[in-house]
N, C-alpha and C. Protein backbone atom coordinates (compact mmCIF):
# COMPACT_ATOMS: atom_id res chain seq x y z
N MET A 1 149.08 47.88 249.71
CA MET A 1 148.91 46.60 250.64
C MET A 1 150.17 46.23 251.20
N TYR A 2 150.48 46.14 252.56
CA TYR A 2 151.83 45.67 253.01
C TYR A 2 151.53 44.36 253.38
N PHE A 3 152.30 43.18 252.85
CA PHE A 3 152.24 41.82 252.89
C PHE A 3 153.24 41.39 253.80
N VAL A 4 154.25 42.00 253.89
CA VAL A 4 155.34 41.32 254.80
C VAL A 4 155.58 41.80 256.23
N VAL A 5 155.40 40.84 257.16
CA VAL A 5 155.45 41.24 258.54
C VAL A 5 157.06 41.01 259.03
N MET A 6 157.69 41.91 259.30
CA MET A 6 158.76 41.84 259.84
C MET A 6 158.98 42.00 261.22
N HIS A 7 159.92 40.96 261.75
CA HIS A 7 159.92 40.82 263.42
C HIS A 7 161.49 40.50 263.52
N GLY A 8 162.18 41.36 263.37
CA GLY A 8 163.61 40.97 263.84
C GLY A 8 164.50 40.17 262.69
N THR A 9 163.85 40.11 261.62
CA THR A 9 164.23 39.55 260.34
C THR A 9 165.13 40.19 259.28
N GLU A 10 164.94 41.52 259.55
CA GLU A 10 165.19 42.34 258.56
C GLU A 10 166.95 42.21 258.36
N SER A 11 167.38 42.25 257.19
CA SER A 11 168.67 42.03 256.85
C SER A 11 169.12 43.30 255.75
N THR A 12 170.42 43.69 255.80
CA THR A 12 170.84 44.67 254.99
C THR A 12 172.04 44.44 253.75
N LEU A 13 171.90 44.88 252.88
CA LEU A 13 172.86 44.30 251.94
C LEU A 13 173.58 45.79 251.23
N PRO A 14 174.77 45.81 250.79
CA PRO A 14 175.25 46.98 250.16
C PRO A 14 174.21 47.18 248.99
N ILE A 15 174.22 48.37 248.58
CA ILE A 15 173.31 48.64 247.55
C ILE A 15 173.84 48.21 245.95
N GLU A 16 175.03 48.07 246.03
CA GLU A 16 175.34 47.19 244.82
C GLU A 16 175.02 45.97 244.62
N GLU A 17 175.23 45.19 245.64
CA GLU A 17 174.73 43.65 245.74
C GLU A 17 173.26 43.85 245.60
N LEU A 18 172.50 44.62 246.31
CA LEU A 18 170.99 44.51 246.45
C LEU A 18 170.30 44.85 244.89
N SER A 19 171.10 45.93 244.38
CA SER A 19 170.52 46.02 242.67
C SER A 19 170.85 44.93 241.92
N ARG A 20 171.94 44.31 242.16
CA ARG A 20 172.71 43.11 241.09
C ARG A 20 171.64 41.93 241.42
N LEU A 21 171.29 41.64 242.65
CA LEU A 21 170.52 40.58 242.87
C LEU A 21 169.24 40.91 242.31
N VAL A 22 168.59 41.90 242.15
CA VAL A 22 167.23 42.23 241.90
C VAL A 22 167.27 42.09 240.30
N ARG A 23 168.42 42.75 239.71
CA ARG A 23 168.52 42.46 238.18
C ARG A 23 168.81 40.94 237.69
N SER A 24 169.55 40.13 238.52
CA SER A 24 169.94 38.88 238.19
C SER A 24 168.76 37.86 238.43
N MET A 25 168.01 38.05 239.46
CA MET A 25 166.96 37.22 239.91
C MET A 25 165.75 37.75 238.84
N GLY A 26 165.69 38.81 238.12
CA GLY A 26 164.25 39.38 237.42
C GLY A 26 163.51 39.74 238.33
N ILE A 27 163.71 40.11 239.24
CA ILE A 27 162.44 40.65 240.26
C ILE A 27 161.96 42.19 239.71
N HIS A 28 160.82 42.24 239.51
CA HIS A 28 160.31 43.38 239.10
C HIS A 28 159.86 44.65 240.24
N GLN A 29 160.19 45.75 239.97
CA GLN A 29 160.16 46.69 241.05
C GLN A 29 158.43 46.50 241.49
N ASP A 30 157.61 46.66 240.82
CA ASP A 30 156.28 46.57 241.19
C ASP A 30 156.04 45.19 242.07
N GLU A 31 156.71 44.20 241.92
CA GLU A 31 156.67 42.97 242.68
C GLU A 31 157.16 43.32 244.10
N ILE A 32 158.36 44.03 244.28
CA ILE A 32 159.07 44.10 245.39
C ILE A 32 158.08 45.29 246.05
N ALA A 33 157.20 46.24 245.43
CA ALA A 33 156.50 47.10 246.14
C ALA A 33 155.11 46.66 246.83
N LEU A 34 154.67 45.69 246.04
CA LEU A 34 153.41 44.97 246.61
C LEU A 34 154.04 44.10 247.88
N ALA A 35 154.94 43.27 247.77
CA ALA A 35 155.39 42.59 248.83
C ALA A 35 155.89 43.29 250.22
N THR A 36 156.25 44.51 249.92
CA THR A 36 156.96 45.35 250.84
C THR A 36 156.12 46.46 251.57
N GLY A 37 155.07 47.01 250.87
CA GLY A 37 154.55 48.01 251.36
C GLY A 37 155.30 49.34 250.84
N VAL A 38 156.24 49.07 249.93
CA VAL A 38 156.83 50.42 249.62
C VAL A 38 156.42 50.70 248.21
N THR A 39 156.17 52.02 247.85
CA THR A 39 155.81 52.42 246.52
C THR A 39 156.90 52.18 245.49
N GLN A 40 156.35 52.07 244.16
CA GLN A 40 157.17 51.70 243.23
C GLN A 40 158.29 52.74 242.87
N PRO A 41 157.84 53.95 242.91
CA PRO A 41 158.84 54.80 242.74
C PRO A 41 159.99 55.10 243.77
N HIS A 42 159.58 54.67 245.04
CA HIS A 42 160.59 54.69 246.28
C HIS A 42 161.45 53.34 245.88
N VAL A 43 160.90 52.18 245.55
CA VAL A 43 161.74 51.21 245.38
C VAL A 43 162.69 51.27 244.48
N SER A 44 162.40 52.20 243.20
CA SER A 44 163.52 52.74 242.36
C SER A 44 164.29 53.57 242.84
N ARG A 45 164.11 54.36 243.75
CA ARG A 45 165.07 55.16 244.46
C ARG A 45 166.02 54.45 245.20
N VAL A 46 165.38 53.46 246.26
CA VAL A 46 166.26 52.79 246.92
C VAL A 46 167.40 51.86 245.95
N LEU A 47 166.79 51.28 244.77
CA LEU A 47 167.64 50.56 243.97
C LEU A 47 168.79 51.36 243.31
N SER A 48 168.51 52.59 243.28
CA SER A 48 169.33 53.60 242.50
C SER A 48 170.38 54.21 243.29
N GLY A 49 170.30 53.71 244.90
CA GLY A 49 171.06 54.37 245.96
C GLY A 49 170.84 55.65 246.39
N GLY A 50 169.37 56.25 246.13
CA GLY A 50 168.84 57.40 246.68
C GLY A 50 168.41 57.39 247.82
N VAL A 51 168.66 56.31 248.58
CA VAL A 51 167.92 56.12 250.05
C VAL A 51 168.98 55.45 250.94
N SER A 52 168.98 56.00 252.04
CA SER A 52 170.15 55.55 253.00
C SER A 52 169.68 54.12 253.29
N PRO A 53 171.04 53.39 253.58
CA PRO A 53 170.79 51.83 253.75
C PRO A 53 170.05 51.43 255.03
N THR A 54 170.10 52.77 256.04
CA THR A 54 169.71 52.45 257.37
C THR A 54 167.92 52.70 257.26
N ALA A 55 167.42 53.31 256.42
CA ALA A 55 166.10 53.32 256.19
C ALA A 55 165.15 52.22 256.30
N LYS A 56 164.14 52.25 256.80
CA LYS A 56 163.10 51.09 257.03
C LYS A 56 162.81 50.67 255.67
N ALA A 57 162.54 51.39 254.60
CA ALA A 57 162.06 50.77 253.29
C ALA A 57 163.21 50.08 252.71
N TYR A 58 164.64 50.56 252.97
CA TYR A 58 165.85 49.82 252.42
C TYR A 58 165.65 48.37 253.12
N ARG A 59 165.70 48.36 254.20
CA ARG A 59 165.60 47.14 255.12
C ARG A 59 164.63 46.16 254.70
N ARG A 60 163.52 46.44 254.43
CA ARG A 60 162.37 45.79 253.86
C ARG A 60 162.62 45.23 252.56
N ILE A 61 163.12 45.97 251.79
CA ILE A 61 163.09 45.73 250.33
C ILE A 61 164.45 44.48 250.23
N CYS A 62 165.58 44.82 251.12
CA CYS A 62 166.78 43.81 251.45
C CYS A 62 166.02 42.50 251.77
N ALA A 63 165.29 42.67 252.92
CA ALA A 63 164.72 41.29 253.48
C ALA A 63 164.19 40.48 252.41
N TYR A 64 163.05 41.17 251.61
CA TYR A 64 162.50 40.71 250.52
C TYR A 64 163.37 39.89 249.64
N VAL A 65 164.48 40.63 249.12
CA VAL A 65 165.11 40.09 247.89
C VAL A 65 165.96 38.92 248.39
N VAL A 66 166.60 39.04 249.84
CA VAL A 66 167.03 37.85 250.31
C VAL A 66 166.16 36.78 250.39
N SER A 67 164.66 36.79 250.85
CA SER A 67 164.10 36.03 250.74
C SER A 67 163.70 34.97 249.75
N ARG A 68 164.07 35.96 248.52
CA ARG A 68 163.59 35.20 247.15
C ARG A 68 164.76 34.18 246.85
N LYS A 69 165.84 34.34 247.50
CA LYS A 69 166.95 33.41 247.00
C LYS A 69 166.85 31.98 247.77
N SER A 70 166.53 30.96 246.79
CA SER A 70 166.08 29.63 247.29
C SER A 70 166.54 28.68 246.81
N PRO A 71 167.39 27.65 247.52
CA PRO A 71 167.94 26.48 246.92
C PRO A 71 167.06 25.26 246.41
N ILE A 72 165.71 25.47 246.51
CA ILE A 72 164.75 24.54 246.15
C ILE A 72 164.76 24.54 244.43
N SER A 73 164.75 23.28 243.92
CA SER A 73 164.53 23.48 242.43
C SER A 73 163.18 23.44 242.08
N THR A 74 162.89 23.98 240.84
CA THR A 74 161.57 24.16 240.48
C THR A 74 160.86 22.93 240.18
N LEU A 75 161.46 21.91 240.00
CA LEU A 75 161.28 20.66 239.64
C LEU A 75 160.46 19.90 240.91
N ARG A 76 161.28 20.33 242.32
CA ARG A 76 160.59 19.74 243.34
C ARG A 76 159.45 20.39 243.83
N VAL A 77 159.35 21.68 243.68
CA VAL A 77 158.02 22.40 243.88
C VAL A 77 156.97 21.84 242.76
N ALA A 78 157.10 21.58 241.74
CA ALA A 78 156.19 21.17 240.71
C ALA A 78 155.73 19.56 241.36
N GLN A 79 156.65 18.82 241.90
CA GLN A 79 156.34 17.74 242.39
C GLN A 79 155.41 17.69 243.69
N ASN A 80 155.45 19.00 244.30
CA ASN A 80 154.68 18.63 245.54
C ASN A 80 153.05 19.09 245.39
N GLN A 81 152.59 18.01 245.63
CA GLN A 81 150.78 18.12 245.27
C GLN A 81 150.24 19.27 246.15
N GLU A 82 150.58 19.47 247.29
CA GLU A 82 149.88 20.31 248.19
C GLU A 82 150.23 21.56 247.62
N LEU A 83 151.45 22.00 247.16
CA LEU A 83 151.42 23.41 246.74
C LEU A 83 150.69 23.57 245.23
N VAL A 84 151.02 22.49 244.37
CA VAL A 84 150.49 22.47 243.04
C VAL A 84 148.73 22.68 243.28
N SER A 85 148.42 21.81 244.01
CA SER A 85 146.64 21.85 244.30
C SER A 85 146.28 23.15 244.76
N ALA A 86 146.94 23.87 245.87
CA ALA A 86 146.63 25.02 246.38
C ALA A 86 146.92 26.28 245.12
N ILE A 87 147.70 26.23 244.53
CA ILE A 87 147.67 27.31 243.29
C ILE A 87 146.67 26.88 242.34
N ALA A 88 146.53 25.82 241.76
CA ALA A 88 145.57 25.42 241.07
C ALA A 88 144.15 25.85 241.19
N SER A 89 143.88 25.69 242.68
CA SER A 89 142.62 26.04 242.98
C SER A 89 142.22 27.55 243.03
N ILE A 90 143.19 28.52 242.78
CA ILE A 90 142.79 29.91 242.88
C ILE A 90 143.58 30.63 241.73
N TRP A 91 144.40 30.10 240.95
CA TRP A 91 144.95 30.89 239.85
C TRP A 91 144.07 30.90 238.78
N ASP A 92 143.86 32.13 238.20
CA ASP A 92 143.22 31.83 236.64
C ASP A 92 143.95 31.70 235.54
N GLY A 93 145.38 31.49 235.61
CA GLY A 93 145.70 31.08 234.48
C GLY A 93 146.75 32.25 233.78
N SER A 94 146.34 33.63 234.28
CA SER A 94 147.03 34.73 233.47
C SER A 94 148.46 34.75 234.18
N GLU A 95 149.38 35.55 233.20
CA GLU A 95 150.76 35.97 233.70
C GLU A 95 150.62 37.13 234.84
N GLU A 96 149.54 37.88 234.82
CA GLU A 96 149.35 38.88 235.85
C GLU A 96 149.08 38.45 237.14
N GLN A 97 148.04 37.38 237.28
CA GLN A 97 147.71 36.81 238.61
C GLN A 97 148.90 35.86 239.15
N ALA A 98 149.52 35.44 238.11
CA ALA A 98 150.84 34.57 238.49
C ALA A 98 151.75 35.34 239.33
N ARG A 99 152.20 36.60 238.64
CA ARG A 99 153.04 37.58 239.34
C ARG A 99 152.63 37.74 240.72
N ALA A 100 151.09 38.25 240.69
CA ALA A 100 150.64 38.84 242.17
C ALA A 100 150.71 37.44 243.10
N LEU A 101 150.40 36.15 242.52
CA LEU A 101 150.53 35.13 243.59
C LEU A 101 151.91 34.82 244.11
N GLY A 102 152.86 34.95 242.88
CA GLY A 102 154.25 34.72 243.50
C GLY A 102 154.51 35.64 244.61
N ALA A 103 154.24 36.97 244.30
CA ALA A 103 154.69 38.10 245.10
C ALA A 103 153.95 37.71 246.66
N VAL A 104 152.88 37.58 246.72
CA VAL A 104 152.25 37.14 248.01
C VAL A 104 153.10 35.96 248.65
N ILE A 105 153.10 34.88 247.75
CA ILE A 105 153.90 33.72 248.36
C ILE A 105 155.16 34.28 248.69
N ARG A 106 155.88 34.79 248.08
CA ARG A 106 157.38 34.94 248.69
C ARG A 106 157.39 36.14 249.83
N SER A 107 156.41 36.67 249.90
CA SER A 107 156.11 37.77 250.98
C SER A 107 155.98 36.87 252.15
N LEU A 108 155.57 35.95 252.15
CA LEU A 108 155.61 34.92 253.39
C LEU A 108 156.68 34.50 254.06
N ALA A 109 157.94 34.52 253.26
CA ALA A 109 159.14 34.11 253.78
C ALA A 109 159.69 34.47 255.32
N PRO A 110 159.34 35.75 255.61
CA PRO A 110 159.78 36.16 257.11
C PRO A 110 158.94 35.21 258.06
N LEU A 111 157.62 35.15 257.36
CA LEU A 111 156.80 34.37 258.69
C LEU A 111 157.06 32.94 258.68
N LEU A 112 157.68 32.17 257.65
CA LEU A 112 158.09 30.92 257.79
C LEU A 112 159.26 30.75 258.77
N THR A 113 160.28 31.76 258.76
CA THR A 113 161.39 31.74 259.62
C THR A 113 160.65 31.75 261.02
N LEU A 114 159.73 32.71 261.24
CA LEU A 114 159.24 32.54 262.99
C LEU A 114 158.50 31.11 263.22
N TYR A 115 157.91 30.82 262.04
CA TYR A 115 157.21 29.23 262.22
C TYR A 115 158.37 28.42 262.48
N LYS A 116 159.40 28.33 262.02
CA LYS A 116 160.21 27.39 262.11
C LYS A 116 161.04 27.56 263.50
N THR A 117 161.14 28.66 263.95
CA THR A 117 161.95 28.78 265.03
C THR A 117 160.86 28.78 266.43
N GLY A 118 159.48 28.89 266.09
CA GLY A 118 158.58 28.94 267.24
C GLY A 118 158.36 30.24 267.84
N ASP A 119 159.17 31.18 267.30
CA ASP A 119 159.02 32.61 267.60
C ASP A 119 157.61 33.35 267.58
N PRO A 120 156.82 33.42 268.56
CA PRO A 120 155.31 34.09 268.38
C PRO A 120 155.38 35.35 268.23
N LYS A 121 156.48 36.34 267.99
CA LYS A 121 156.20 37.46 267.84
C LYS A 121 155.43 38.13 266.53
C-alpha cells in the first residue's frame, strides 16, 4: 500500500547522508517501505547505494526520511489532547500497531506541506 502522496515535494540527499539519517533516527526499512510504497528489499538497495539518486523510489525515500526530522518535542506532542485522544481511540497498545500508526502519521507530512501552502495539487 502506498501512503505518501508526492506533488513537487520530493527532495534528494546524497546516499551517505540518507543512510546516516536512517540509522541515526532509528527508522526501520519496513517502515520506509510501508510509507513510500517501495518494497523492503528495494529500500535496502537504495540505502546501500545500489539505486540511482534520480530514481523515483530514491526520491520518495529521501522525502519520507526528511519529513521525519522534526523540531517538535515529544513532551509537546504528549500534551496535545487532540493527538493523544485520536491515537488512544484506535491504538490497541501493541508495539506492532504503534509502528504502523507511526508510519501512517509520518507519511502524511507531504500532505501537511500542501495544506499549509493551500496548494490543491
